[in-house]
Amino acid sequence: MANHDAHHDDASHGSVKSYVIGFVLSIILTAIPFGLVMYPSLSKAATLWIVLIFAVVQVVVHLVYFLHLDRSAAQRNNVTALAFAALVIVLLVGLSLWIMFSIHTEMMAH
């Protein structure tokens, strides 16, 4: 029986150390916003901004430590596709919310 793992490139897979770093960062990036929400000590607006910032940072941590996306030439196509997909999602959601808000304001004005 042939070894099916022979064609895998070990450089594309993370080490145990990188997975542990990613896991610890993910725990920290989840625990801090969770604590701020469960035990409010800041204003709601400040808490919301902190949660959003930590969420974005956590997405980056997952992309780097678990999906192994970086700025290398080998990953450039993946990063470009991911950036394009993110742009499309932001545009679709953002413009849909803008349209719904505009329609709601127009409907309530009459």
PDB file of N, CA and C in Angstrom:
ATOM      1  N   MET A   1       0.844  -1.172   0.000  1.00  0.00           N
ATOM      2  CA  MET A   1       0.000   0.000   0.000  1.00  0.00           C
ATOM      3  C   MET A   1       0.887   1.232   0.000  1.00  0.00           C
ATOM      4  N   ALA A   2       0.579   2.186  -0.854  1.00  0.00           N
ATOM      5  CA  ALA A   2       1.390   3.400  -0.992  1.00  0.00           C
ATOM      6  C   ALA A   2       1.165   4.343   0.183  1.00  0.00           C
ATOM      7  N   ASN A   3       2.190   5.102   0.489  1.00  0.00           N
ATOM      8  CA  ASN A   3       2.094   6.080   1.564  1.00  0.00           C
ATOM      9  C   ASN A   3       1.416   7.337   1.015  1.00  0.00           C
ATOM     10  N   HIS A   4       0.209   7.618   1.483  1.00  0.00           N
ATOM     11  CA  HIS A   4      -0.565   8.745   0.972  1.00  0.00           C
ATOM     12  C   HIS A   4      -0.077  10.074   1.526  1.00  0.00           C
ATOM     13  N   ASP A   5       0.719  10.051   2.573  1.00  0.00           N
ATOM     14  CA  ASP A   5       1.204  11.287   3.155  1.00  0.00           C
ATOM     15  C   ASP A   5       2.498  11.770   2.498  1.00  0.00           C
ATOM     16  N   ALA A   6       3.020  11.013   1.554  1.00  0.00           N
ATOM     17  CA  ALA A   6       4.298  11.364   0.944  1.00  0.00           C
ATOM     18  C   ALA A   6       4.197  12.644   0.116  1.00  0.00           C
ATOM     19  N   HIS A   7       3.021  12.959  -0.418  1.00  0.00           N
ATOM     20  CA  HIS A   7       2.882  14.133  -1.267  1.00  0.00           C
ATOM     21  C   HIS A   7       2.603  15.408  -0.482  1.00  0.00           C
ATOM     22  N   HIS A   8       2.391  15.317   0.811  1.00  0.00           N
ATOM     23  CA  HIS A   8       2.123  16.509   1.622  1.00  0.00           C
ATOM     24  C   HIS A   8       3.416  17.251   1.890  1.00  0.00           C
ATOM     25  N   ASP A   9       3.335  18.564   1.818  1.00  0.00           N
ATOM     26  CA  ASP A   9       4.488  19.416   2.108  1.00  0.00           C
ATOM     27  C   ASP A   9       4.439  19.806   3.574  1.00  0.00           C
ATOM     28  N   ASP A  10       5.468  19.416   4.330  1.00  0.00           N
ATOM     29  CA  ASP A  10       5.475  19.695   5.765  1.00  0.00           C
ATOM     30  C   ASP A  10       5.551  21.189   6.059  1.00  0.00           C
ATOM     31  N   ALA A  11       6.042  21.988   5.122  1.00  0.00           N
ATOM     32  CA  ALA A  11       6.153  23.429   5.350  1.00  0.00           C
ATOM     33  C   ALA A  11       4.775  24.080   5.437  1.00  0.00           C
ATOM     34  N   SER A  12       3.775  23.468   4.831  1.00  0.00           N
ATOM     35  CA  SER A  12       2.444  24.070   4.837  1.00  0.00           C
ATOM     36  C   SER A  12       1.686  23.760   6.123  1.00  0.00           C
ATOM     37  N   HIS A  13       2.195  22.821   6.920  1.00  0.00           N
ATOM     38  CA  HIS A  13       1.541  22.454   8.173  1.00  0.00           C
ATOM     39  C   HIS A  13       2.276  23.109   9.331  1.00  0.00           C
ATOM     40  N   GLY A  14       1.506  23.483  10.346  1.00  0.00           N
ATOM     41  CA  GLY A  14       2.110  24.144  11.494  1.00  0.00           C
ATOM     42  C   GLY A  14       2.727  23.156  12.456  1.00  0.00           C
ATOM     43  N   SER A  15       3.594  23.681  13.291  1.00  0.00           N
ATOM     44  CA  SER A  15       4.197  22.864  14.328  1.00  0.00           C
ATOM     45  C   SER A  15       3.275  22.855  15.542  1.00  0.00           C
ATOM     46  N   VAL A  16       3.579  21.977  16.475  1.00  0.00           N
ATOM     47  CA  VAL A  16       2.796  21.924  17.706  1.00  0.00           C
ATOM     48  C   VAL A  16       2.912  23.262  18.430  1.00  0.00           C
ATOM     49  N   LYS A  17       4.095  23.859  18.386  1.00  0.00           N
ATOM     50  CA  LYS A  17       4.311  25.151  19.045  1.00  0.00           C
ATOM     51  C   LYS A  17       3.388  26.223  18.464  1.00  0.00           C
ATOM     52  N   SER A  18       3.257  26.282  17.138  1.00  0.00           N
ATOM     53  CA  SER A  18       2.399  27.307  16.535  1.00  0.00           C
ATOM     54  C   SER A  18       0.926  27.055  16.865  1.00  0.00           C
ATOM     55  N   TYR A  19       0.521  25.792  16.928  1.00  0.00           N
ATOM     56  CA  TYR A  19      -0.867  25.495  17.308  1.00  0.00           C
ATOM     57  C   TYR A  19      -1.135  25.882  18.763  1.00  0.00           C
ATOM     58  N   VAL A  20      -0.169  25.636  19.640  1.00  0.00           N
ATOM     59  CA  VAL A  20      -0.334  25.995  21.054  1.00  0.00           C
ATOM     60  C   VAL A  20      -0.392  27.514  21.209  1.00  0.00           C
ATOM     61  N   ILE A  21       0.480  28.234  20.495  1.00  0.00           N
ATOM     62  CA  ILE A  21       0.444  29.699  20.543  1.00  0.00           C
ATOM     63  C   ILE A  21      -0.905  30.212  20.051  1.00  0.00           C
ATOM     64  N   GLY A  22      -1.382  29.669  18.938  1.00  0.00           N
ATOM     65  CA  GLY A  22      -2.690  30.067  18.406  1.00  0.00           C
ATOM     66  C   GLY A  22      -3.811  29.766  19.377  1.00  0.00           C
ATOM     67  N   PHE A  23      -3.743  28.611  20.022  1.00  0.00           N
ATOM     68  CA  PHE A  23      -4.784  28.218  20.982  1.00  0.00           C
ATOM     69  C   PHE A  23      -4.788  29.154  22.187  1.00  0.00           C
ATOM     70  N   VAL A  24      -3.608  29.440  22.735  1.00  0.00           N
ATOM     71  CA  VAL A  24      -3.516  30.325  23.900  1.00  0.00           C
ATOM     72  C   VAL A  24      -4.003  31.724  23.544  1.00  0.00           C
ATOM     73  N   LEU A  25      -3.587  32.240  22.390  1.00  0.00           N
ATOM     74  CA  LEU A  25      -4.061  33.558  21.955  1.00  0.00           C
ATOM     75  C   LEU A  25      -5.580  33.566  21.775  1.00  0.00           C
ATOM     76  N   SER A  26      -6.126  32.490  21.232  1.00  0.00           N
ATOM     77  CA  SER A  26      -7.582  32.411  21.042  1.00  0.00           C
ATOM     78  C   SER A  26      -8.318  32.420  22.372  1.00  0.00           C
ATOM     79  N   ILE A  27      -7.783  31.701  23.348  1.00  0.00           N
ATOM     80  CA  ILE A  27      -8.392  31.687  24.685  1.00  0.00           C
ATOM     81  C   ILE A  27      -8.371  33.092  25.290  1.00  0.00           C
ATOM     82  N   ILE A  28      -7.236  33.765  25.196  1.00  0.00           N
ATOM     83  CA  ILE A  28      -7.114  35.117  25.750  1.00  0.00           C
ATOM     84  C   ILE A  28      -8.047  36.078  25.023  1.00  0.00           C
ATOM     85  N   LEU A  29      -8.077  35.983  23.685  1.00  0.00           N
ATOM     86  CA  LEU A  29      -8.909  36.886  22.894  1.00  0.00           C
ATOM     87  C   LEU A  29     -10.400  36.604  23.056  1.00  0.00           C
ATOM     88  N   THR A  30     -10.747  35.469  23.617  1.00  0.00           N
ATOM     89  CA  THR A  30     -12.145  35.169  23.925  1.00  0.00           C
ATOM     90  C   THR A  30     -12.468  35.537  25.366  1.00  0.00           C
ATOM     91  N   ALA A  31     -11.552  35.261  26.279  1.00  0.00           N
ATOM     92  CA  ALA A  31     -11.811  35.464  27.708  1.00  0.00           C
ATOM     93  C   ALA A  31     -11.965  36.942  28.070  1.00  0.00           C
ATOM     94  N   ILE A  32     -11.152  37.792  27.494  1.00  0.00           N
ATOM     95  CA  ILE A  32     -11.211  39.222  27.850  1.00  0.00           C
ATOM     96  C   ILE A  32     -12.551  39.844  27.443  1.00  0.00           C
ATOM     97  N   PRO A  33     -13.007  39.709  26.187  1.00  0.00           N
ATOM     98  CA  PRO A  33     -14.322  40.265  25.858  1.00  0.00           C
ATOM     99  C   PRO A  33     -15.449  39.599  26.657  1.00  0.00           C
ATOM    100  N   PHE A  34     -15.339  38.300  26.893  1.00  0.00           N
ATOM    101  CA  PHE A  34     -16.359  37.598  27.686  1.00  0.00           C
ATOM    102  C   PHE A  34     -16.438  38.201  29.088  1.00  0.00           C
ATOM    103  N   GLY A  35     -15.284  38.442  29.695  1.00  0.00           N
ATOM    104  CA  GLY A  35     -15.257  39.051  31.020  1.00  0.00           C
ATOM    105  C   GLY A  35     -15.838  40.449  31.020  1.00  0.00           C
ATOM    106  N   LEU A  36     -15.532  41.222  29.976  1.00  0.00           N
ATOM    107  CA  LEU A  36     -16.076  42.580  29.890  1.00  0.00           C
ATOM    108  C   LEU A  36     -17.594  42.587  29.733  1.00  0.00           C
ATOM    109  N   VAL A  37     -18.115  41.603  29.047  1.00  0.00           N
ATOM    110  CA  VAL A  37     -19.573  41.532  28.863  1.00  0.00           C
ATOM    111  C   VAL A  37     -20.252  40.998  30.123  1.00  0.00           C
ATOM    112  N   MET A  38     -19.654  39.988  30.743  1.00  0.00           N
ATOM    113  CA  MET A  38     -20.274  39.388  31.927  1.00  0.00           C
ATOM    114  C   MET A  38     -20.168  40.289  33.156  1.00  0.00           C
ATOM    115  N   TYR A  39     -19.077  41.029  33.266  1.00  0.00           N
ATOM    116  CA  TYR A  39     -18.860  41.927  34.407  1.00  0.00           C
ATOM    117  C   TYR A  39     -18.586  43.334  33.878  1.00  0.00           C
ATOM    118  N   PRO A  40     -19.647  44.041  33.480  1.00  0.00           N
ATOM    119  CA  PRO A  40     -19.451  45.341  32.814  1.00  0.00           C
ATOM    120  C   PRO A  40     -18.762  46.355  33.723  1.00  0.00           C
ATOM    121  N   SER A  41     -17.668  46.899  33.226  1.00  0.00           N
ATOM    122  CA  SER A  41     -16.955  47.943  33.957  1.00  0.00           C
ATOM    123  C   SER A  41     -16.727  49.164  33.068  1.00  0.00           C
ATOM    124  N   LEU A  42     -16.988  49.016  31.785  1.00  0.00           N
ATOM    125  CA  LEU A  42     -16.846  50.119  30.836  1.00  0.00           C
ATOM    126  C   LEU A  42     -18.214  50.467  30.261  1.00  0.00           C
ATOM    127  N   SER A  43     -18.265  51.550  29.515  1.00  0.00           N
ATOM    128  CA  SER A  43     -19.526  51.912  28.865  1.00  0.00           C
ATOM    129  C   SER A  43     -19.864  50.860  27.803  1.00  0.00           C
ATOM    130  N   LYS A  44     -21.130  50.838  27.417  1.00  0.00           N
ATOM    131  CA  LYS A  44     -21.549  49.852  26.413  1.00  0.00           C
ATOM    132  C   LYS A  44     -20.831  50.068  25.086  1.00  0.00           C
ATOM    133  N   ALA A  45     -20.638  51.335  24.717  1.00  0.00           N
ATOM    134  CA  ALA A  45     -19.958  51.640  23.451  1.00  0.00           C
ATOM    135  C   ALA A  45     -18.499  51.163  23.492  1.00  0.00           C
ATOM    136  N   ALA A  46     -17.814  51.432  24.601  1.00  0.00           N
ATOM    137  CA  ALA A  46     -16.415  50.997  24.723  1.00  0.00           C
ATOM    138  C   ALA A  46     -16.321  49.477  24.712  1.00  0.00           C
ATOM    139  N   THR A  47     -17.233  48.822  25.417  1.00  0.00           N
ATOM    140  CA  THR A  47     -17.242  47.351  25.435  1.00  0.00           C
ATOM    141  C   THR A  47     -17.487  46.804  24.033  1.00  0.00           C
ATOM    142  N   LEU A  48     -18.414  47.390  23.304  1.00  0.00           N
ATOM    143  CA  LEU A  48     -18.706  46.945  21.938  1.00  0.00           C
ATOM    144  C   LEU A  48     -17.472  47.080  21.054  1.00  0.00           C
ATOM    145  N   TRP A  49     -16.792  48.226  21.137  1.00  0.00           N
ATOM    146  CA  TRP A  49     -15.601  48.426  20.324  1.00  0.00           C
ATOM    147  C   TRP A  49     -14.493  47.438  20.686  1.00  0.00           C
ATOM    148  N   ILE A  50     -14.322  47.187  21.967  1.00  0.00           N
ATOM    149  CA  ILE A  50     -13.294  46.227  22.393  1.00  0.00           C
ATOM    150  C   ILE A  50     -13.626  44.827  21.884  1.00  0.00           C
ATOM    151  N   VAL A  51     -14.886  44.426  21.986  1.00  0.00           N
ATOM    152  CA  VAL A  51     -15.299  43.103  21.500  1.00  0.00           C
ATOM    153  C   VAL A  51     -15.072  43.010  19.993  1.00  0.00           C
ATOM    154  N   LEU A  52     -15.415  44.048  19.245  1.00  0.00           N
ATOM    155  CA  LEU A  52     -15.219  44.028  17.786  1.00  0.00           C
ATOM    156  C   LEU A  52     -13.736  43.964  17.426  1.00  0.00           C
ATOM    157  N   ILE A  53     -12.919  44.740  18.109  1.00  0.00           N
ATOM    158  CA  ILE A  53     -11.477  44.723  17.831  1.00  0.00           C
ATOM    159  C   ILE A  53     -10.875  43.360  18.149  1.00  0.00           C
ATOM    160  N   PHE A  54     -11.260  42.797  19.288  1.00  0.00           N
ATOM    161  CA  PHE A  54     -10.746  41.473  19.651  1.00  0.00           C
ATOM    162  C   PHE A  54     -11.224  40.409  18.659  1.00  0.00           C
ATOM    163  N   ALA A  55     -12.434  40.566  18.131  1.00  0.00           N
ATOM    164  CA  ALA A  55     -12.945  39.611  17.144  1.00  0.00           C
ATOM    165  C   ALA A  55     -12.106  39.657  15.868  1.00  0.00           C
ATOM    166  N   VAL A  56     -11.778  40.847  15.409  1.00  0.00           N
ATOM    167  CA  VAL A  56     -10.961  40.985  14.203  1.00  0.00           C
ATOM    168  C   VAL A  56      -9.566  40.407  14.441  1.00  0.00           C
ATOM    169  N   VAL A  57      -8.985  40.697  15.603  1.00  0.00           N
ATOM    170  CA  VAL A  57      -7.665  40.156  15.927  1.00  0.00           C
ATOM    171  C   VAL A  57      -7.725  38.630  15.988  1.00  0.00           C
ATOM    172  N   GLN A  58      -8.817  38.103  16.546  1.00  0.00           N
ATOM    173  CA  GLN A  58      -8.933  36.648  16.625  1.00  0.00           C
ATOM    174  C   GLN A  58      -9.055  36.007  15.247  1.00  0.00           C
ATOM    175  N   VAL A  59      -9.729  36.660  14.323  1.00  0.00           N
ATOM    176  CA  VAL A  59      -9.803  36.145  12.947  1.00  0.00           C
ATOM    177  C   VAL A  59      -8.400  36.077  12.353  1.00  0.00           C
ATOM    178  N   VAL A  60      -7.606  37.123  12.578  1.00  0.00           N
ATOM    179  CA  VAL A  60      -6.228  37.137  12.069  1.00  0.00           C
ATOM    180  C   VAL A  60      -5.408  36.019  12.717  1.00  0.00           C
ATOM    181  N   VAL A  61      -5.562  35.825  14.027  1.00  0.00           N
ATOM    182  CA  VAL A  61      -4.848  34.743  14.720  1.00  0.00           C
ATOM    183  C   VAL A  61      -5.220  33.390  14.117  1.00  0.00           C
ATOM    184  N   HIS A  62      -6.489  33.165  13.860  1.00  0.00           N
ATOM    185  CA  HIS A  62      -6.921  31.890  13.268  1.00  0.00           C
ATOM    186  C   HIS A  62      -6.348  31.710  11.866  1.00  0.00           C
ATOM    187  N   LEU A  63      -6.356  32.779  11.082  1.00  0.00           N
ATOM    188  CA  LEU A  63      -5.819  32.680   9.726  1.00  0.00           C
ATOM    189  C   LEU A  63      -4.330  32.379   9.732  1.00  0.00           C
ATOM    190  N   VAL A  64      -3.596  32.975  10.652  1.00  0.00           N
ATOM    191  CA  VAL A  64      -2.145  32.795  10.678  1.00  0.00           C
ATOM    192  C   VAL A  64      -1.740  31.480  11.332  1.00  0.00           C
ATOM    193  N   TYR A  65      -2.302  31.190  12.518  1.00  0.00           N
ATOM    194  CA  TYR A  65      -1.826  30.032  13.288  1.00  0.00           C
ATOM    195  C   TYR A  65      -2.522  28.718  12.938  1.00  0.00           C
ATOM    196  N   PHE A  66      -3.756  28.769  12.453  1.00  0.00           N
ATOM    197  CA  PHE A  66      -4.460  27.521  12.160  1.00  0.00           C
ATOM    198  C   PHE A  66      -4.587  27.264  10.661  1.00  0.00           C
ATOM    199  N   LEU A  67      -4.814  28.304   9.868  1.00  0.00           N
ATOM    200  CA  LEU A  67      -4.913  28.113   8.419  1.00  0.00           C
ATOM    201  C   LEU A  67      -3.593  28.397   7.701  1.00  0.00           C
ATOM    202  N   HIS A  68      -2.592  28.876   8.452  1.00  0.00           N
ATOM    203  CA  HIS A  68      -1.230  29.072   7.963  1.00  0.00           C
ATOM    204  C   HIS A  68      -1.156  30.029   6.774  1.00  0.00           C
ATOM    205  N   LEU A  69      -1.975  31.050   6.787  1.00  0.00           N
ATOM    206  CA  LEU A  69      -1.893  32.065   5.745  1.00  0.00           C
ATOM    207  C   LEU A  69      -0.837  33.083   6.155  1.00  0.00           C
ATOM    208  N   ASP A  70       0.042  33.399   5.237  1.00  0.00           N
ATOM    209  CA  ASP A  70       1.060  34.407   5.490  1.00  0.00           C
ATOM    210  C   ASP A  70       1.304  35.183   4.198  1.00  0.00           C
ATOM    211  N   ARG A  71       2.335  36.001   4.192  1.00  0.00           N
ATOM    212  CA  ARG A  71       2.607  36.831   3.019  1.00  0.00           C
ATOM    213  C   ARG A  71       3.586  36.187   2.056  1.00  0.00           C
ATOM    214  N   SER A  72       3.812  34.898   2.183  1.00  0.00           N
ATOM    215  CA  SER A  72       4.741  34.228   1.275  1.00  0.00           C
ATOM    216  C   SER A  72       4.129  34.119  -0.118  1.00  0.00           C
ATOM    217  N   ALA A  73       4.990  33.914  -1.089  1.00  0.00           N
ATOM    218  CA  ALA A  73       4.528  33.817  -2.479  1.00  0.00           C
ATOM    219  C   ALA A  73       3.582  32.636  -2.665  1.00  0.00           C
ATOM    220  N   ALA A  74       3.817  31.560  -1.939  1.00  0.00           N
ATOM    221  CA  ALA A  74       2.976  30.369  -2.073  1.00  0.00           C
ATOM    222  C   ALA A  74       1.553  30.627  -1.589  1.00  0.00           C
ATOM    223  N   GLN A  75       1.388  31.505  -0.628  1.00  0.00           N
ATOM    224  CA  GLN A  75       0.069  31.779  -0.063  1.00  0.00           C
ATOM    225  C   GLN A  75      -0.595  33.016  -0.663  1.00  0.00           C
ATOM    226  N   ARG A  76       0.072  33.701  -1.566  1.00  0.00           N
ATOM    227  CA  ARG A  76      -0.449  34.963  -2.106  1.00  0.00           C
ATOM    228  C   ARG A  76      -1.826  34.793  -2.745  1.00  0.00           C
ATOM    229  N   ASN A  77      -2.044  33.728  -3.509  1.00  0.00           N
ATOM    230  CA  ASN A  77      -3.341  33.504  -4.141  1.00  0.00           C
ATOM    231  C   ASN A  77      -4.428  33.260  -3.097  1.00  0.00           C
ATOM    232  N   ASN A  78      -4.100  32.504  -2.051  1.00  0.00           N
ATOM    233  CA  ASN A  78      -5.084  32.255  -0.996  1.00  0.00           C
ATOM    234  C   ASN A  78      -5.450  33.537  -0.257  1.00  0.00           C
ATOM    235  N   VAL A  79      -4.452  34.351   0.041  1.00  0.00           N
ATOM    236  CA  VAL A  79      -4.702  35.612   0.742  1.00  0.00           C
ATOM    237  C   VAL A  79      -5.526  36.550  -0.147  1.00  0.00           C
ATOM    238  N   THR A  80      -5.212  36.597  -1.430  1.00  0.00           N
ATOM    239  CA  THR A  80      -5.962  37.444  -2.366  1.00  0.00           C
ATOM    240  C   THR A  80      -7.415  36.981  -2.454  1.00  0.00           C
ATOM    241  N   ALA A  81      -7.643  35.681  -2.564  1.00  0.00           N
ATOM    242  CA  ALA A  81      -9.009  35.154  -2.626  1.00  0.00           C
ATOM    243  C   ALA A  81      -9.764  35.445  -1.335  1.00  0.00           C
ATOM    244  N   LEU A  82      -9.091  35.301  -0.203  1.00  0.00           N
ATOM    245  CA  LEU A  82      -9.718  35.589   1.079  1.00  0.00           C
ATOM    246  C   LEU A  82     -10.073  37.064   1.195  1.00  0.00           C
ATOM    247  N   ALA A  83      -9.165  37.944   0.784  1.00  0.00           N
ATOM    248  CA  ALA A  83      -9.421  39.385   0.842  1.00  0.00           C
ATOM    249  C   ALA A  83     -10.587  39.759  -0.071  1.00  0.00           C
ATOM    250  N   PHE A  84     -10.649  39.181  -1.251  1.00  0.00           N
ATOM    251  CA  PHE A  84     -11.752  39.461  -2.171  1.00  0.00           C
ATOM    252  C   PHE A  84     -13.080  38.977  -1.594  1.00  0.00           C
ATOM    253  N   ALA A  85     -13.096  37.777  -1.016  1.00  0.00           N
ATOM    254  CA  ALA A  85     -14.319  37.249  -0.407  1.00  0.00           C
ATOM    255  C   ALA A  85     -14.766  38.131   0.754  1.00  0.00           C
ATOM    256  N   ALA A  86     -13.808  38.583   1.562  1.00  0.00           N
ATOM    257  CA  ALA A  86     -14.139  39.468   2.684  1.00  0.00           C
ATOM    258  C   ALA A  86     -14.715  40.784   2.178  1.00  0.00           C
ATOM    259  N   LEU A  87     -14.136  41.340   1.117  1.00  0.00           N
ATOM    260  CA  LEU A  87     -14.642  42.577   0.538  1.00  0.00           C
ATOM    261  C   LEU A  87     -16.069  42.409   0.027  1.00  0.00           C
ATOM    262  N   VAL A  88     -16.321  41.315  -0.663  1.00  0.00           N
ATOM    263  CA  VAL A  88     -17.672  41.056  -1.178  1.00  0.00           C
ATOM    264  C   VAL A  88     -18.667  40.920  -0.031  1.00  0.00           C
ATOM    265  N   ILE A  89     -18.296  40.215   1.025  1.00  0.00           N
ATOM    266  CA  ILE A  89     -19.193  40.047   2.174  1.00  0.00           C
ATOM    267  C   ILE A  89     -19.463  41.385   2.852  1.00  0.00           C
ATOM    268  N   VAL A  90     -18.404  42.180   3.049  1.00  0.00           N
ATOM    269  CA  VAL A  90     -18.579  43.490   3.679  1.00  0.00           C
ATOM    270  C   VAL A  90     -19.485  44.377   2.823  1.00  0.00           C
ATOM    271  N   LEU A  91     -19.276  44.368   1.510  1.00  0.00           N
ATOM    272  CA  LEU A  91     -20.123  45.171   0.632  1.00  0.00           C
ATOM    273  C   LEU A  91     -21.569  44.691   0.648  1.00  0.00           C
ATOM    274  N   LEU A  92     -21.769  43.386   0.553  1.00  0.00           N
ATOM    275  CA  LEU A  92     -23.139  42.856   0.554  1.00  0.00           C
ATOM    276  C   LEU A  92     -23.866  43.169   1.861  1.00  0.00           C
ATOM    277  N   VAL A  93     -23.223  42.903   2.969  1.00  0.00           N
ATOM    278  CA  VAL A  93     -23.861  43.151   4.269  1.00  0.00           C
ATOM    279  C   VAL A  93     -24.015  44.646   4.503  1.00  0.00           C
ATOM    280  N   GLY A  94     -22.959  45.411   4.268  1.00  0.00           N
ATOM    281  CA  GLY A  94     -23.006  46.850   4.503  1.00  0.00           C
ATOM    282  C   GLY A  94     -24.043  47.553   3.646  1.00  0.00           C
ATOM    283  N   LEU A  95     -24.041  47.265   2.364  1.00  0.00           N
ATOM    284  CA  LEU A  95     -25.008  47.911   1.479  1.00  0.00           C
ATOM    285  C   LEU A  95     -26.434  47.444   1.751  1.00  0.00           C
ATOM    286  N   SER A  96     -26.606  46.183   2.118  1.00  0.00           N
ATOM    287  CA  SER A  96     -27.949  45.696   2.473  1.00  0.00           C
ATOM    288  C   SER A  96     -28.472  46.415   3.713  1.00  0.00           C
ATOM    289  N   LEU A  97     -27.609  46.565   4.721  1.00  0.00           N
ATOM    290  CA  LEU A  97     -28.020  47.296   5.924  1.00  0.00           C
ATOM    291  C   LEU A  97     -28.333  48.748   5.602  1.00  0.00           C
ATOM    292  N   TRP A  98     -27.546  49.371   4.736  1.00  0.00           N
ATOM    293  CA  TRP A  98     -27.776  50.750   4.351  1.00  0.00           C
ATOM    294  C   TRP A  98     -29.129  50.889   3.645  1.00  0.00           C
ATOM    295  N   ILE A  99     -29.419  49.975   2.728  1.00  0.00           N
ATOM    296  CA  ILE A  99     -30.698  50.000   2.011  1.00  0.00           C
ATOM    297  C   ILE A  99     -31.855  49.792   2.975  1.00  0.00           C
ATOM    298  N   MET A 100     -31.736  48.810   3.878  1.00  0.00           N
ATOM    299  CA  MET A 100     -32.819  48.555   4.838  1.00  0.00           C
ATOM    300  C   MET A 100     -33.031  49.739   5.768  1.00  0.00           C
ATOM    301  N   PHE A 101     -31.946  50.370   6.219  1.00  0.00           N
ATOM    302  CA  PHE A 101     -32.073  51.541   7.082  1.00  0.00           C
ATOM    303  C   PHE A 101     -32.741  52.693   6.330  1.00  0.00           C
ATOM    304  N   SER A 102     -32.348  52.904   5.063  1.00  0.00           N
ATOM    305  CA  SER A 102     -32.947  53.969   4.258  1.00  0.00           C
ATOM    306  C   SER A 102     -34.431  53.721   4.029  1.00  0.00           C
ATOM    307  N   ILE A 103     -34.786  52.488   3.722  1.00  0.00           N
ATOM    308  CA  ILE A 103     -36.199  52.151   3.508  1.00  0.00           C
ATOM    309  C   ILE A 103     -36.979  52.342   4.799  1.00  0.00           C
ATOM    310  N   HIS A 104     -36.409  51.912   5.907  1.00  0.00           N
ATOM    311  CA  HIS A 104     -37.080  52.067   7.201  1.00  0.00           C
ATOM    312  C   HIS A 104     -37.307  53.548   7.523  1.00  0.00           C
ATOM    313  N   THR A 105     -36.284  54.380   7.267  1.00  0.00           N
ATOM    314  CA  THR A 105     -36.431  55.810   7.558  1.00  0.00           C
ATOM    315  C   THR A 105     -37.483  56.445   6.657  1.00  0.00           C
ATOM    316  N   GLU A 106     -37.499  56.042   5.406  1.00  0.00           N
ATOM    317  CA  GLU A 106     -38.504  56.583   4.491  1.00  0.00           C
ATOM    318  C   GLU A 106     -39.920  56.145   4.881  1.00  0.00           C
ATOM    319  N   MET A 107     -40.057  54.909   5.293  1.00  0.00           N
ATOM    320  CA  MET A 107     -41.382  54.397   5.648  1.00  0.00           C
ATOM    321  C   MET A 107     -41.899  55.068   6.921  1.00  0.00           C
ATOM    322  N   MET A 108     -41.011  55.347   7.863  1.00  0.00           N
ATOM    323  CA  MET A 108     -41.431  55.962   9.116  1.00  0.00           C
ATOM    324  C   MET A 108     -41.697  57.456   8.966  1.00  0.00           C
ATOM    325  N   ALA A 109     -41.103  58.067   7.936  1.00  0.00           N
ATOM    326  CA  ALA A 109     -41.291  59.507   7.718  1.00  0.00           C
ATOM    327  C   ALA A 109     -42.694  59.818   7.207  1.00  0.00           C
ATOM    328  N   HIS A 110     -43.367  58.854   6.620  1.00  0.00           N
ATOM    329  CA  HIS A 110     -44.700  59.098   6.039  1.00  0.00           C
ATOM    330  C   HIS A 110     -45.796  58.610   6.924  1.00  0.00           C
TER     331      HIS A 110
END
